[in-house]
Each structure stands twice: as C-alpha cells, then as structure tokens.
C-alpha cells in the first residue's frame, strides 16, 4: 500500500485519535521519515496473518 494509505490507516486508531493535533502531526512526520528510509519507493509492505474460526450450529 502507499505510504499515505498506511498513515491514513494508522490515523484511524484510537490512540492517535485522542492526541492533540501537534503531537499527532509530529508522530506522523517521524513515522513518514522512518518509513521512507525503509521503503524509499513509498510502497509499504506490511504482511499480516488472519485466523478465522467458524462455528456451525447443528
């Protein structure tokens, strides 16, 4: 996903939602700089695993 999409997703997490604007902006500026160091093309690779459990009532 793009760096902007990744940061927009992070911004939806409640931890960031309750921060003041200046503090949040500072954190995202630092995060953007670090991610650009690791992913210089601006495409963030973030593998994840999903487990699904299904129960069937009989």
C-alpha atoms as a PDB file:
ATOM      1  CA  UNK A   1       0.000   0.000   0.000  1.00  0.00           C
ATOM      2  CA  UNK A   2       1.117   3.562  -0.459  1.00  0.00           C
ATOM      3  CA  UNK A   3       2.748   5.397   2.404  1.00  0.00           C
ATOM      4  CA  UNK A   4      -0.177   7.838   2.520  1.00  0.00           C
ATOM      5  CA  UNK A   5      -2.687   4.962   2.749  1.00  0.00           C
ATOM      6  CA  UNK A   6      -0.677   3.379   5.555  1.00  0.00           C
ATOM      7  CA  UNK A   7      -0.531   6.618   7.544  1.00  0.00           C
ATOM      8  CA  UNK A   8      -4.251   7.275   6.936  1.00  0.00           C
ATOM      9  CA  UNK A   9      -4.997   3.817   8.325  1.00  0.00           C
ATOM     10  CA  UNK A  10      -2.889   4.491  11.415  1.00  0.00           C
ATOM     11  CA  UNK A  11      -4.731   7.773  11.954  1.00  0.00           C
ATOM     12  CA  UNK A  12      -7.971   5.818  12.467  1.00  0.00           C
ATOM     13  CA  UNK A  13      -6.603   4.016  15.526  1.00  0.00           C
ATOM     14  CA  UNK A  14      -7.992   5.366  18.772  1.00  0.00           C
ATOM     15  CA  UNK A  15      -4.528   6.017  20.242  1.00  0.00           C
ATOM     16  CA  UNK A  16      -3.869   8.654  17.594  1.00  0.00           C
ATOM     17  CA  UNK A  17      -7.427   9.989  17.544  1.00  0.00           C
ATOM     18  CA  UNK A  18      -7.170  11.200  21.145  1.00  0.00           C
ATOM     19  CA  UNK A  19      -3.845  13.002  20.727  1.00  0.00           C
ATOM     20  CA  UNK A  20      -3.604  16.710  20.201  1.00  0.00           C
ATOM     21  CA  UNK A  21      -3.057  17.854  16.617  1.00  0.00           C
ATOM     22  CA  UNK A  22       0.551  18.979  17.148  1.00  0.00           C
ATOM     23  CA  UNK A  23       1.572  15.768  18.895  1.00  0.00           C
ATOM     24  CA  UNK A  24      -0.148  13.623  16.257  1.00  0.00           C
ATOM     25  CA  UNK A  25       1.453  15.588  13.409  1.00  0.00           C
ATOM     26  CA  UNK A  26       4.903  15.197  14.987  1.00  0.00           C
ATOM     27  CA  UNK A  27       4.448  11.439  15.367  1.00  0.00           C
ATOM     28  CA  UNK A  28       3.286  11.059  11.771  1.00  0.00           C
ATOM     29  CA  UNK A  29       6.151  13.202  10.464  1.00  0.00           C
ATOM     30  CA  UNK A  30       8.627  10.944  12.282  1.00  0.00           C
ATOM     31  CA  UNK A  31       6.808   7.826  11.062  1.00  0.00           C
ATOM     32  CA  UNK A  32       6.789   9.095   7.466  1.00  0.00           C
ATOM     33  CA  UNK A  33      10.541   9.804   7.587  1.00  0.00           C
ATOM     34  CA  UNK A  34      11.324   6.359   9.015  1.00  0.00           C
ATOM     35  CA  UNK A  35       9.069   4.551   6.554  1.00  0.00           C
ATOM     36  CA  UNK A  36      10.645   6.400   3.627  1.00  0.00           C
ATOM     37  CA  UNK A  37      14.035   5.252   4.882  1.00  0.00           C
ATOM     38  CA  UNK A  38      12.863   1.625   4.914  1.00  0.00           C
ATOM     39  CA  UNK A  39      10.573   1.838   1.849  1.00  0.00           C
ATOM     40  CA  UNK A  40      12.194   4.513  -0.361  1.00  0.00           C
ATOM     41  CA  UNK A  41       9.723   3.952  -3.223  1.00  0.00           C
ATOM     42  CA  UNK A  42       6.821   4.933  -0.927  1.00  0.00           C
ATOM     43  CA  UNK A  43       5.171   1.499  -1.087  1.00  0.00           C
ATOM     44  CA  UNK A  44       4.798  -0.003   2.391  1.00  0.00           C
ATOM     45  CA  UNK A  45       4.817  -3.782   2.646  1.00  0.00           C
ATOM     46  CA  UNK A  46       3.004  -4.901   5.759  1.00  0.00           C
ATOM     47  CA  UNK A  47       2.431  -8.645   5.889  1.00  0.00           C
ATOM     48  CA  UNK A  48      -0.135  -9.865   8.341  1.00  0.00           C
ATOM     49  CA  UNK A  49      -1.880 -13.059   9.286  1.00  0.00           C
ATOM     50  CA  UNK A  50      -5.589 -13.562   9.802  1.00  0.00           C
ATOM     51  CA  UNK A  51      -7.085 -16.509  11.657  1.00  0.00           C
ATOM     52  CA  UNK A  52     -10.734 -17.304  11.104  1.00  0.00           C
ATOM     53  CA  UNK A  53     -12.772 -19.590  13.315  1.00  0.00           C
ATOM     54  CA  UNK A  54     -16.197 -20.674  12.158  1.00  0.00           C
ATOM     55  CA  UNK A  55     -18.797 -22.332  14.363  1.00  0.00           C
ATOM     56  CA  UNK A  56     -21.723 -24.122  12.799  1.00  0.00           C
ATOM     57  CA  UNK A  57     -24.905 -24.682  14.783  1.00  0.00           C
ATOM     58  CA  UNK A  58     -26.493 -28.044  14.055  1.00  0.00           C
END
